[in-house]
N, C-alpha and C. Protein backbone atom coordinates (compact mmCIF):
# COMPACT_ATOMS: atom_id res chain seq x y z
N UNK A 1 37.55 115.90 167.27
CA UNK A 1 37.28 114.55 167.96
C UNK A 1 38.02 115.10 169.19
N UNK A 2 38.17 113.93 170.25
CA UNK A 2 38.63 114.03 171.52
C UNK A 2 39.87 113.02 171.24
N UNK A 3 41.14 113.72 171.84
CA UNK A 3 42.27 112.87 171.64
C UNK A 3 42.11 111.64 172.67
N UNK A 4 41.53 111.53 173.70
CA UNK A 4 41.58 110.46 174.40
C UNK A 4 40.86 109.51 173.81
N UNK A 5 39.60 109.97 172.89
CA UNK A 5 38.63 108.51 171.74
C UNK A 5 40.28 107.90 171.02
N UNK A 6 40.67 109.04 170.27
CA UNK A 6 41.49 108.48 169.32
C UNK A 6 42.98 107.82 170.08
N UNK A 7 43.05 108.02 171.15
CA UNK A 7 44.36 107.30 171.83
C UNK A 7 43.93 106.02 172.15
N UNK A 8 42.84 105.71 172.72
CA UNK A 8 41.81 104.70 173.23
C UNK A 8 42.01 103.88 171.93
N UNK A 9 41.34 103.95 170.64
CA UNK A 9 41.15 103.13 169.57
C UNK A 9 42.80 102.80 169.19
N UNK A 10 43.62 103.67 169.12
CA UNK A 10 45.22 103.14 168.90
C UNK A 10 45.84 102.25 170.01
N UNK A 11 45.43 102.51 171.23
CA UNK A 11 45.96 101.37 172.38
C UNK A 11 45.26 100.02 172.37
N UNK A 12 43.72 99.95 171.61
CA UNK A 12 43.28 98.90 171.62
C UNK A 12 43.83 98.15 170.54
N UNK A 13 44.02 98.85 169.38
CA UNK A 13 45.09 98.47 168.29
C UNK A 13 46.16 97.72 168.36
N UNK A 14 46.89 98.56 169.19
CA UNK A 14 48.40 98.18 169.48
C UNK A 14 48.23 97.00 170.75
N UNK A 15 47.57 96.92 171.17
CA UNK A 15 47.03 95.65 172.42
C UNK A 15 46.87 94.30 171.36
N UNK A 16 46.16 94.58 170.21
CA UNK A 16 45.88 93.41 169.10
C UNK A 16 47.01 92.88 168.36
N UNK A 17 47.70 93.97 168.33
CA UNK A 17 49.03 93.70 167.46
C UNK A 17 50.00 92.68 168.49
N UNK A 18 49.95 93.39 169.49
CA UNK A 18 51.12 92.65 170.42
C UNK A 18 50.51 91.20 170.97
N UNK A 19 49.21 91.14 171.35
CA UNK A 19 48.57 89.77 171.62
C UNK A 19 48.30 89.01 170.80
N UNK A 20 47.63 89.08 169.59
CA UNK A 20 47.19 88.27 168.30
C UNK A 20 48.28 88.42 167.33
N UNK A 21 48.49 89.50 166.47
CA UNK A 21 49.03 89.38 165.28
C UNK A 21 50.69 89.04 165.49
N UNK A 22 51.28 89.53 166.49
CA UNK A 22 52.97 89.17 166.64
C UNK A 22 52.74 87.70 168.09
N UNK A 23 52.05 88.09 169.36
CA UNK A 23 51.81 87.07 170.29
C UNK A 23 51.62 85.85 169.75
N UNK A 24 50.65 85.58 168.72
CA UNK A 24 50.55 84.34 168.15
C UNK A 24 51.19 83.89 166.75
N UNK A 25 52.05 85.02 166.37
CA UNK A 25 52.73 84.78 165.28
C UNK A 25 51.94 84.73 163.95
N UNK A 26 50.59 85.42 164.11
CA UNK A 26 49.97 85.19 163.05
C UNK A 26 50.49 85.79 161.18
N UNK A 27 51.29 86.99 161.93
CA UNK A 27 52.24 87.47 160.65
C UNK A 27 53.58 87.50 161.27
N UNK A 28 54.17 86.37 160.62
CA UNK A 28 55.88 86.55 161.11
C UNK A 28 56.64 87.83 160.68
N UNK A 29 56.28 88.51 160.01
CA UNK A 29 56.97 89.48 159.66
C UNK A 29 56.69 91.01 160.70
N UNK A 30 55.68 90.94 161.25
CA UNK A 30 55.11 91.88 162.34
C UNK A 30 56.24 92.87 163.14
N UNK A 31 56.96 91.77 164.05
CA UNK A 31 57.26 92.01 164.89
C UNK A 31 58.35 92.88 164.78
N UNK A 32 59.08 93.07 163.89
CA UNK A 32 60.37 93.40 163.24
C UNK A 32 59.94 95.15 163.52
N UNK A 33 58.71 95.27 162.52
CA UNK A 33 58.46 96.72 162.10
C UNK A 33 57.64 97.04 163.20
N UNK A 34 56.83 96.49 164.04
CA UNK A 34 56.37 97.16 165.17
C UNK A 34 57.71 97.42 166.24
N UNK A 35 58.26 96.80 166.47
CA UNK A 35 59.85 97.02 167.44
C UNK A 35 60.23 98.19 167.15
N UNK A 36 60.52 98.44 165.87
CA UNK A 36 61.29 99.71 165.07
C UNK A 36 60.30 101.05 165.05
N UNK A 37 58.80 100.80 165.38
CA UNK A 37 58.24 101.84 165.46
C UNK A 37 57.97 102.27 164.12
N UNK A 38 57.85 101.64 163.09
CA UNK A 38 57.72 102.08 161.70
C UNK A 38 55.99 101.99 161.44
N UNK A 39 55.28 101.81 162.14
CA UNK A 39 54.07 101.29 161.78
C UNK A 39 53.13 102.79 162.55
N UNK A 40 52.64 103.23 161.42
CA UNK A 40 51.85 104.75 161.58
C UNK A 40 50.30 104.21 161.64
N UNK A 41 49.94 104.84 162.80
CA UNK A 41 48.44 104.46 163.16
C UNK A 41 47.80 105.70 162.85
N UNK A 42 46.80 105.71 161.92
CA UNK A 42 45.85 106.67 161.45
C UNK A 42 44.26 106.48 161.75
N UNK A 43 43.82 107.25 162.61
CA UNK A 43 42.30 107.17 163.19
C UNK A 43 41.41 107.88 162.12
N UNK A 44 40.43 107.38 161.58
CA UNK A 44 39.80 107.98 160.51
C UNK A 44 38.55 108.65 161.34
N UNK A 45 38.09 109.91 161.44
CA UNK A 45 36.93 110.48 162.15
C UNK A 45 35.97 110.61 161.29
N UNK A 46 36.27 109.74 160.02
CA UNK A 46 35.15 109.77 159.03
C UNK A 46 33.64 109.34 159.32
N UNK A 47 32.41 110.26 158.93
CA UNK A 47 31.16 109.64 159.01
C UNK A 47 30.53 109.37 157.88
N UNK A 48 30.99 109.62 156.93
CA UNK A 48 30.68 109.30 155.57
C UNK A 48 31.58 108.46 154.65
N UNK A 49 30.81 107.89 153.68
CA UNK A 49 31.70 106.75 152.74
C UNK A 49 32.73 108.00 152.12
N UNK A 50 32.16 109.18 151.40
CA UNK A 50 33.25 109.92 150.63
C UNK A 50 34.62 110.64 151.64
N UNK A 51 34.10 110.79 152.80
CA UNK A 51 34.99 111.14 153.92
C UNK A 51 36.28 110.12 154.32
N UNK A 52 35.45 108.73 154.51
CA UNK A 52 36.42 107.75 154.50
C UNK A 52 37.31 107.14 153.24
N UNK A 53 36.66 107.56 152.23
CA UNK A 53 37.58 107.07 150.89
C UNK A 53 38.81 108.38 150.64
N UNK A 54 38.24 109.74 151.49
CA UNK A 54 39.46 110.62 151.03
C UNK A 54 40.61 110.31 152.24
N UNK A 55 40.29 109.68 153.23
CA UNK A 55 41.05 109.08 154.39
C UNK A 55 41.92 108.02 153.66
N UNK A 56 41.57 107.19 153.15
CA UNK A 56 42.41 106.46 152.29
C UNK A 56 43.06 106.94 151.26
N UNK A 57 42.74 107.86 150.44
CA UNK A 57 43.40 108.45 149.65
C UNK A 57 44.54 109.34 150.38
N UNK A 58 44.41 109.97 151.27
CA UNK A 58 45.39 110.62 151.85
C UNK A 58 46.65 109.87 152.61
N UNK A 59 46.18 108.78 153.00
CA UNK A 59 47.04 108.27 154.22
C UNK A 59 48.11 107.22 152.94
N UNK A 60 47.38 106.51 151.76
CA UNK A 60 47.72 106.25 150.69
C UNK A 60 49.06 107.06 150.12
N UNK A 61 48.89 108.23 149.76
CA UNK A 61 49.69 109.22 149.13
C UNK A 61 51.00 109.30 150.50
N UNK A 62 50.49 109.69 151.44
CA UNK A 62 51.48 110.10 152.90
C UNK A 62 52.51 108.76 152.95
N UNK A 63 51.78 107.60 152.79
CA UNK A 63 52.93 106.34 152.75
C UNK A 63 53.96 106.47 151.69
N UNK A 64 53.09 106.41 150.58
CA UNK A 64 53.72 106.49 149.23
C UNK A 64 55.18 107.44 149.25
N UNK A 65 55.13 108.46 149.87
CA UNK A 65 55.82 109.77 149.76
C UNK A 65 57.09 109.75 151.29
N UNK A 66 56.62 108.92 152.09
CA UNK A 66 57.50 108.97 153.16
C UNK A 66 58.47 107.95 152.72
N UNK A 67 59.96 107.83 153.22
CA UNK A 67 61.06 107.08 153.05
C UNK A 67 60.79 105.69 153.92
N UNK A 68 60.94 104.26 153.29
CA UNK A 68 60.48 103.08 154.46
C UNK A 68 60.92 103.36 155.55
N UNK A 69 62.19 104.07 155.76
CA UNK A 69 63.18 103.75 156.97
C UNK A 69 62.19 104.81 158.12
N UNK A 70 61.30 105.60 157.72
CA UNK A 70 60.45 106.47 158.69
C UNK A 70 59.23 105.81 158.69
N UNK A 71 58.51 105.25 157.70
CA UNK A 71 57.33 104.67 157.77
C UNK A 71 57.00 103.63 156.81
N UNK A 72 56.91 102.34 157.41
CA UNK A 72 56.69 101.01 156.61
C UNK A 72 55.61 100.70 156.07
N UNK A 73 54.67 100.91 157.28
CA UNK A 73 53.36 100.70 156.98
C UNK A 73 52.25 101.48 157.68
N UNK A 74 50.89 101.18 157.40
CA UNK A 74 49.82 102.12 157.79
C UNK A 74 48.51 101.35 158.42
N UNK A 75 48.15 101.23 159.38
CA UNK A 75 47.12 100.88 159.98
C UNK A 75 45.93 102.08 160.17
N UNK A 76 45.29 102.02 159.38
CA UNK A 76 44.12 102.88 159.11
C UNK A 76 42.83 102.31 159.84
N UNK A 77 42.24 102.88 160.52
CA UNK A 77 41.16 102.82 161.51
C UNK A 77 39.59 103.61 161.59
N UNK A 78 38.91 102.67 161.51
CA UNK A 78 37.38 103.52 161.35
C UNK A 78 36.38 103.47 162.33
N UNK A 79 36.66 103.88 163.18
CA UNK A 79 35.71 103.69 164.84
C UNK A 79 34.23 104.01 164.57
N UNK A 80 33.82 104.96 163.81
CA UNK A 80 32.79 105.40 163.66
C UNK A 80 31.85 104.73 162.62
N UNK A 81 32.36 103.98 161.70
CA UNK A 81 31.58 103.47 160.44
C UNK A 81 31.98 101.99 160.34
N UNK A 82 31.19 101.33 159.56
CA UNK A 82 31.24 99.69 158.88
C UNK A 82 31.04 98.81 159.67
N UNK A 83 30.29 99.10 160.78
CA UNK A 83 29.82 97.94 161.57
C UNK A 83 29.61 96.71 161.09
N UNK A 84 29.24 96.80 160.00
CA UNK A 84 28.59 95.55 158.99
C UNK A 84 29.62 95.03 158.76
N UNK A 85 30.26 93.81 158.46
CA UNK A 85 31.44 93.52 157.87
C UNK A 85 31.38 93.54 156.32
N UNK A 86 30.36 93.15 155.89
CA UNK A 86 29.83 93.01 154.27
C UNK A 86 29.74 94.61 153.60
N UNK A 87 29.44 95.51 154.34
CA UNK A 87 29.57 96.66 153.86
C UNK A 87 30.95 97.25 153.74
N UNK A 88 31.66 96.85 154.66
CA UNK A 88 33.33 97.36 154.98
C UNK A 88 33.98 96.48 153.81
N UNK A 89 33.36 95.40 153.58
CA UNK A 89 34.28 94.59 152.48
C UNK A 89 34.48 95.17 151.16
N UNK A 90 33.09 95.88 150.96
CA UNK A 90 32.63 96.51 149.37
C UNK A 90 33.64 97.80 149.54
N UNK A 91 33.88 98.37 150.87
CA UNK A 91 34.67 99.79 151.15
C UNK A 91 35.96 99.34 150.60
N UNK A 92 36.53 98.11 151.16
CA UNK A 92 37.97 97.74 150.91
C UNK A 92 38.25 97.55 149.33
N UNK A 93 37.23 97.49 148.63
CA UNK A 93 37.17 97.00 147.39
C UNK A 93 37.35 98.47 146.61
N UNK A 94 36.86 99.52 147.19
CA UNK A 94 36.51 100.87 146.43
C UNK A 94 38.06 101.18 147.16
N UNK A 95 38.81 101.05 148.11
CA UNK A 95 39.63 101.27 148.81
C UNK A 95 40.81 101.06 147.59
N UNK A 96 40.88 99.62 146.93
CA UNK A 96 41.51 99.25 146.08
C UNK A 96 41.65 100.45 144.74
N UNK A 97 40.36 100.60 144.28
CA UNK A 97 40.20 101.41 143.42
C UNK A 97 40.86 102.52 143.21
N UNK A 98 41.07 103.08 144.71
CA UNK A 98 41.80 104.45 144.78
C UNK A 98 43.27 104.10 144.83
N UNK A 99 43.80 102.97 145.19
CA UNK A 99 45.22 102.76 145.09
C UNK A 99 45.60 102.28 143.37
N UNK A 100 44.54 101.95 142.60
CA UNK A 100 44.99 101.73 141.22
C UNK A 100 44.98 103.43 140.79
N UNK A 101 43.83 104.06 141.02
CA UNK A 101 43.81 105.15 140.48
C UNK A 101 44.85 106.12 140.74
N UNK A 102 45.39 106.11 141.68
CA UNK A 102 46.94 106.94 142.15
C UNK A 102 48.31 106.22 141.58
N UNK A 103 47.95 105.18 140.63
CA UNK A 103 49.00 104.44 140.13
C UNK A 103 50.28 103.77 140.85
N UNK A 104 49.33 103.34 142.00
CA UNK A 104 50.54 102.76 143.23
C UNK A 104 50.33 101.47 143.49
N UNK A 105 49.57 100.39 142.33
CA UNK A 105 49.63 99.23 142.05
C UNK A 105 51.40 98.70 141.77
N UNK A 106 51.55 97.74 142.57
CA UNK A 106 52.92 97.40 142.73
C UNK A 106 53.92 98.01 143.37
N UNK A 107 53.32 99.04 143.98
CA UNK A 107 54.07 99.62 145.27
C UNK A 107 53.45 99.28 146.44
N UNK A 108 52.20 99.57 146.66
CA UNK A 108 51.36 99.41 147.91
C UNK A 108 50.40 98.31 147.75
N UNK A 109 50.01 97.66 148.96
CA UNK A 109 49.10 97.00 148.76
C UNK A 109 47.81 97.31 150.14
N UNK A 110 46.82 96.77 149.93
CA UNK A 110 45.92 96.92 151.13
C UNK A 110 45.15 95.69 151.55
N UNK A 111 45.28 95.29 152.92
CA UNK A 111 44.89 94.17 153.41
C UNK A 111 43.58 94.67 154.70
N UNK A 112 42.69 93.81 154.87
CA UNK A 112 41.72 94.46 155.59
C UNK A 112 41.36 93.39 156.85
N UNK A 113 40.89 94.25 157.90
CA UNK A 113 40.66 93.50 159.30
C UNK A 113 39.15 94.05 159.67
N UNK A 114 38.69 93.21 160.61
CA UNK A 114 37.23 93.73 160.91
C UNK A 114 36.90 93.06 162.14
N UNK A 115 36.17 93.50 163.06
CA UNK A 115 35.77 92.54 164.57
C UNK A 115 35.07 91.49 164.08
N UNK A 116 34.42 91.66 163.24
CA UNK A 116 33.73 90.30 162.68
C UNK A 116 33.97 89.83 160.83
N UNK A 117 35.30 89.67 160.83
CA UNK A 117 35.52 89.58 159.68
C UNK A 117 35.38 87.93 159.69
N UNK A 118 34.82 87.79 158.22
CA UNK A 118 34.18 86.20 157.83
C UNK A 118 35.09 85.84 156.46
N UNK A 119 35.76 85.08 156.42
CA UNK A 119 36.06 84.34 154.92
C UNK A 119 34.77 83.51 154.64
N UNK A 120 35.01 83.40 153.19
CA UNK A 120 34.24 82.49 152.36
C UNK A 120 34.28 81.11 152.76
N UNK A 121 32.97 80.75 152.96
CA UNK A 121 32.69 79.11 153.18
C UNK A 121 32.82 78.98 154.92
N UNK A 122 32.73 79.85 155.59
CA UNK A 122 33.07 80.04 157.05
C UNK A 122 31.77 80.42 157.87
N UNK A 123 31.69 80.04 158.88
CA UNK A 123 30.58 80.31 160.15
C UNK A 123 30.77 81.91 160.25
N UNK A 124 30.36 82.50 160.84
CA UNK A 124 30.52 83.97 161.63
C UNK A 124 31.43 83.78 162.64
N UNK A 125 31.45 82.81 163.55
CA UNK A 125 32.02 82.35 164.69
C UNK A 125 33.45 81.20 164.82
N UNK A 126 33.43 81.03 163.45
CA UNK A 126 34.72 79.79 163.20
C UNK A 126 35.86 80.90 163.53
N UNK A 127 36.73 80.22 164.66
CA UNK A 127 38.05 80.58 164.72
C UNK A 127 38.88 81.07 163.93
N UNK A 128 38.77 80.24 162.97
CA UNK A 128 39.79 80.53 161.66
C UNK A 128 39.37 81.94 161.07
N UNK A 129 38.62 82.66 161.33
CA UNK A 129 38.11 84.08 160.69
C UNK A 129 39.17 84.71 161.45
N UNK A 130 39.57 84.47 162.86
CA UNK A 130 40.30 85.40 163.64
C UNK A 130 41.62 85.97 163.26
N UNK A 131 42.07 85.15 162.27
CA UNK A 131 43.42 85.85 161.71
C UNK A 131 43.25 87.29 161.13
N UNK A 132 41.69 87.48 160.80
CA UNK A 132 41.59 89.07 160.26
C UNK A 132 40.87 89.92 161.01
N UNK A 133 40.46 89.04 162.18
CA UNK A 133 39.66 89.87 163.52
C UNK A 133 40.69 91.25 164.24
N UNK A 134 40.23 92.38 164.32
CA UNK A 134 40.76 93.53 164.67
C UNK A 134 39.52 94.39 165.41
N UNK A 135 40.32 94.99 166.65
CA UNK A 135 39.00 95.78 167.28
C UNK A 135 38.01 96.53 166.52
N UNK A 136 38.87 97.18 165.56
CA UNK A 136 38.17 98.15 164.64
C UNK A 136 38.11 98.14 163.40
N UNK A 137 37.21 98.30 162.38
CA UNK A 137 37.43 98.04 161.02
C UNK A 137 38.62 98.82 160.64
N UNK A 138 39.38 98.10 160.00
CA UNK A 138 40.98 98.50 159.58
C UNK A 138 41.49 98.16 158.42
N UNK A 139 42.21 99.38 157.54
CA UNK A 139 42.72 99.00 156.54
C UNK A 139 44.22 98.87 156.76
N UNK A 140 44.96 97.95 156.21
CA UNK A 140 46.51 98.00 156.40
C UNK A 140 47.10 98.20 155.12
N UNK A 141 47.75 99.16 154.92
CA UNK A 141 48.49 99.93 154.16
C UNK A 141 49.74 99.48 153.98
N UNK A 142 50.35 98.78 152.95
CA UNK A 142 51.93 97.98 153.45
C UNK A 142 52.40 98.08 151.74
N UNK A 143 53.58 98.16 152.04
CA UNK A 143 54.72 98.41 150.78
C UNK A 143 54.88 96.88 150.20
N UNK A 144 54.94 96.58 148.85
CA UNK A 144 55.29 95.81 148.42
C UNK A 144 56.64 95.51 148.44
N UNK A 145 57.63 96.19 148.99
CA UNK A 145 58.98 96.27 148.89
C UNK A 145 59.21 95.16 150.26
N UNK A 146 58.18 95.60 151.44
CA UNK A 146 58.41 94.86 152.76
C UNK A 146 57.95 93.30 152.62
N UNK A 147 56.75 93.21 151.41
CA UNK A 147 56.60 91.53 151.46
C UNK A 147 57.54 91.48 150.34
N UNK A 148 57.95 91.66 149.49
CA UNK A 148 59.26 91.08 148.67
C UNK A 148 60.42 90.33 149.58
N UNK A 149 60.59 91.68 150.75
CA UNK A 149 61.82 91.20 151.65
C UNK A 149 61.47 90.16 152.71
N UNK A 150 60.10 90.09 153.34
CA UNK A 150 59.75 89.06 153.90
C UNK A 150 59.57 87.61 153.29
N UNK A 151 59.26 87.71 152.31
CA UNK A 151 59.06 86.19 151.22
C UNK A 151 60.55 85.85 151.15
N UNK A 152 61.42 86.64 150.64
CA UNK A 152 63.03 86.47 150.71
C UNK A 152 63.49 85.68 152.11
N UNK A 153 62.84 86.24 153.29
CA UNK A 153 63.78 85.69 154.62
C UNK A 153 62.80 84.78 155.01
N UNK A 154 61.59 84.49 154.86
CA UNK A 154 61.03 83.41 155.47
C UNK A 154 60.63 82.07 154.64
N UNK A 155 61.13 80.86 155.16
CA UNK A 155 61.27 79.82 154.52
C UNK A 155 60.13 79.06 154.05
N UNK A 156 58.76 79.29 154.36
CA UNK A 156 57.86 78.78 153.59
C UNK A 156 56.36 79.68 154.03
N UNK A 157 56.43 80.73 153.20
CA UNK A 157 55.24 81.60 153.12
C UNK A 157 53.72 81.07 152.76
N UNK A 158 53.87 80.20 151.77
CA UNK A 158 52.48 79.62 151.56
C UNK A 158 52.01 78.97 152.73
N UNK A 159 52.89 78.53 153.91
CA UNK A 159 52.45 77.59 154.83
C UNK A 159 51.48 78.51 155.83
N UNK A 160 51.97 79.97 155.93
CA UNK A 160 51.48 80.39 157.03
C UNK A 160 49.87 80.78 157.30
N UNK A 161 48.98 80.44 156.41
CA UNK A 161 47.75 80.42 156.67
C UNK A 161 47.29 79.36 157.02
N UNK A 162 47.87 77.81 156.84
CA UNK A 162 47.15 76.62 157.35
C UNK A 162 47.73 76.80 158.89
N UNK A 163 49.22 77.62 158.81
CA UNK A 163 49.68 77.31 160.54
C UNK A 163 48.59 78.19 161.35
N UNK A 164 48.41 79.14 160.95
CA UNK A 164 47.84 80.49 161.54
C UNK A 164 46.44 79.68 162.01
N UNK A 165 45.58 78.78 161.30
CA UNK A 165 44.26 78.27 161.55
C UNK A 165 44.60 77.04 162.62
N UNK A 166 45.75 76.17 162.19
CA UNK A 166 45.78 75.18 163.41
C UNK A 166 46.43 75.80 164.70
N UNK A 167 46.63 76.81 164.62
CA UNK A 167 47.09 77.40 165.96
C UNK A 167 45.64 78.03 167.00
N UNK A 168 45.01 78.79 166.05
CA UNK A 168 43.71 79.38 166.47
C UNK A 168 42.63 77.89 166.88
N UNK A 169 42.70 77.19 165.82
CA UNK A 169 41.84 75.69 166.57
C UNK A 169 42.74 75.37 167.67
N UNK A 170 43.45 75.15 167.68
CA UNK A 170 43.61 74.35 169.00
C UNK A 170 43.66 75.38 170.38
N UNK A 171 43.63 76.62 170.04
CA UNK A 171 43.48 77.76 171.40
C UNK A 171 42.10 77.68 171.48
N UNK A 172 41.49 77.56 170.42
CA UNK A 172 39.70 77.86 170.76
C UNK A 172 39.19 79.26 171.32
N UNK A 173 37.87 79.64 170.83
CA UNK A 173 37.61 80.60 171.18
C UNK A 173 38.12 81.31 172.73
N UNK A 174 37.78 80.58 173.21
CA UNK A 174 38.49 80.72 174.88
C UNK A 174 39.79 81.41 174.90
N UNK A 175 40.59 80.31 174.38
CA UNK A 175 41.79 80.98 174.29
C UNK A 175 42.11 82.36 173.75
N UNK A 176 41.17 82.39 172.74
CA UNK A 176 41.20 83.88 171.78
C UNK A 176 40.57 85.23 173.16
N UNK A 177 39.63 84.74 173.57
CA UNK A 177 39.11 85.81 174.56
C UNK A 177 40.09 86.06 175.56
N UNK A 178 41.15 85.13 175.87
CA UNK A 178 41.72 85.54 177.01
C UNK A 178 42.65 86.33 176.45
N UNK A 179 43.19 86.73 175.39
CA UNK A 179 44.16 87.56 174.88
C UNK A 179 43.42 89.00 175.13
N UNK A 180 42.45 89.51 175.61
CA UNK A 180 41.96 90.61 176.11
C UNK A 180 41.74 91.51 175.04
N UNK A 181 41.57 91.16 173.74
CA UNK A 181 41.22 92.01 173.03
C UNK A 181 40.01 93.12 173.09
N UNK A 182 39.90 94.37 172.89
CA UNK A 182 38.53 95.03 173.44
C UNK A 182 38.53 96.11 172.35
N UNK A 183 37.21 96.28 172.22
CA UNK A 183 36.96 97.51 171.24
C UNK A 183 36.05 98.42 172.26
N UNK A 184 37.03 99.27 172.99
CA UNK A 184 36.47 100.16 173.98
C UNK A 184 35.79 101.45 173.33
N UNK A 185 36.16 101.76 172.23
CA UNK A 185 35.12 103.29 171.49
C UNK A 185 33.86 102.59 170.68
N UNK A 186 33.05 102.45 170.80
CA UNK A 186 31.71 102.26 170.12
C UNK A 186 31.52 103.40 168.87
N UNK A 187 31.00 103.10 167.66
CA UNK A 187 30.74 104.17 167.04
C UNK A 187 29.50 105.23 167.28
N UNK A 188 28.96 104.42 168.35
CA UNK A 188 27.64 105.65 168.82
C UNK A 188 28.47 106.48 170.07
N UNK A 189 29.34 106.18 170.47
CA UNK A 189 30.43 106.96 171.33
C UNK A 189 31.14 107.92 170.56
N UNK A 190 31.35 107.80 169.72
CA UNK A 190 32.34 108.62 168.69
C UNK A 190 31.59 109.33 168.11
N UNK A 191 30.29 109.13 167.75
CA UNK A 191 29.47 110.11 166.99
C UNK A 191 29.02 111.04 168.14
N UNK A 192 28.58 110.68 169.40
CA UNK A 192 28.27 111.28 170.29
C UNK A 192 29.10 112.57 170.77
N UNK A 193 30.39 112.14 170.80
CA UNK A 193 31.31 113.15 171.53
C UNK A 193 32.13 113.92 170.33
N UNK A 194 32.16 113.35 169.14
CA UNK A 194 32.68 114.04 167.78
C UNK A 194 32.12 114.09 167.00
N UNK A 195 31.04 114.88 166.81
CA UNK A 195 29.91 115.06 165.90
C UNK A 195 30.27 115.70 164.62
N UNK A 196 31.27 116.16 165.11
CA UNK A 196 31.91 117.15 163.65
C UNK A 196 33.07 116.06 162.99
N UNK A 197 33.38 115.51 163.59
CA UNK A 197 34.38 114.61 163.02
C UNK A 197 35.79 115.44 162.94
N UNK A 198 36.62 114.67 162.62
CA UNK A 198 38.20 115.12 162.38
C UNK A 198 38.46 116.47 163.61
N UNK A 199 39.86 116.76 163.66
CA UNK A 199 40.55 117.33 164.71
C UNK A 199 41.91 117.46 164.20
N UNK A 200 42.69 118.26 164.76
CA UNK A 200 44.09 118.59 164.40
C UNK A 200 44.58 117.63 165.15
N UNK A 201 45.96 116.96 164.38
CA UNK A 201 46.63 115.80 164.64
C UNK A 201 47.28 116.03 166.24
N UNK A 202 47.77 115.14 167.20
CA UNK A 202 48.06 115.16 168.27
C UNK A 202 49.61 114.23 168.03
N UNK A 203 50.34 114.48 168.77
CA UNK A 203 51.30 113.63 168.89
C UNK A 203 51.06 112.18 169.36
N UNK A 204 51.77 111.05 168.81
CA UNK A 204 51.08 109.73 168.96
C UNK A 204 51.59 109.54 170.44
N UNK A 205 51.44 108.01 170.78
CA UNK A 205 52.23 107.54 172.00
C UNK A 205 52.76 106.21 171.58
N UNK A 206 54.09 106.40 171.17
CA UNK A 206 54.60 105.13 171.05
C UNK A 206 54.71 104.57 169.26
N UNK A 207 55.18 104.96 168.67
CA UNK A 207 55.00 104.81 167.36
C UNK A 207 54.25 106.33 166.73
N UNK A 208 53.47 106.27 165.45
CA UNK A 208 52.87 107.48 164.70
C UNK A 208 51.34 107.19 164.95
N UNK A 209 50.54 108.44 165.43
CA UNK A 209 49.05 108.53 165.06
C UNK A 209 48.89 109.49 164.77
N UNK A 210 47.98 109.49 163.89
CA UNK A 210 47.19 110.71 163.68
C UNK A 210 45.61 110.61 163.18
N UNK A 211 45.06 111.58 163.16
CA UNK A 211 43.73 111.51 162.50
C UNK A 211 43.76 111.67 161.18
N UNK A 212 43.08 110.83 160.39
CA UNK A 212 43.20 110.42 158.73
C UNK A 212 42.28 111.69 158.55
N UNK A 213 42.83 112.42 157.27
CA UNK A 213 42.00 113.22 156.64
C UNK A 213 42.12 114.57 157.12
N UNK A 214 43.03 114.56 158.39
CA UNK A 214 42.74 116.16 158.55
C UNK A 214 44.29 116.41 159.25
N UNK A 215 45.41 116.84 158.35
CA UNK A 215 46.25 117.27 158.92
C UNK A 215 47.69 116.45 157.78
N UNK A 216 48.98 116.51 158.31
CA UNK A 216 49.57 116.16 157.49
C UNK A 216 50.44 114.65 158.09
N UNK A 217 49.65 114.35 159.12
CA UNK A 217 50.68 112.96 159.49
C UNK A 217 50.98 113.23 160.86
N UNK A 218 50.62 114.23 161.47
CA UNK A 218 50.72 114.22 162.94
C UNK A 218 52.17 114.33 163.36
N UNK A 219 53.15 114.62 162.53
CA UNK A 219 54.58 114.86 162.53
C UNK A 219 55.39 116.21 162.39
């Protein structure tokens, strides 16, 4: 795959982190990890579900093996697959199975984000869903230790979802669109320009980035 496409996917994801996740304080714990450049960005060139699951496996293993002060969390993006949210939701369940098979339950967790993420009992365009909207289908691989540390330091973790919904409803869809979050690489473009999928990892730009499932993490 070409470096420029992967770099664009990472840039779109970083903009989403800066403007929405951190900018709107949707996750009060994200800023410290981001500013310390402990977020690892992995762009999966997978075109099949088997390859996508292999990318999940490889990134889970890589995260578990790295010291926390080198890599605290991983964002694994799938620009060429999972346009359908329900399909991606099922895939996220399969990713959880891999986590269990690796014996990493209790050490790592997986959260999912998608351009059309939809919570149960909501309409597709409900702004409350925006807490989990991202430019690309994305799996967030995170450490239980990070969660434990955040819970200890934050006064009312259980209130975060309610506060997020209130904040999003106050700004509305128009306010969300003003954040300038974009998906500049379509699945069709990815397949057209990267028919073989995968490439050798190249150095990232601000934080870590590599192509999942091909290489050792780009470092």
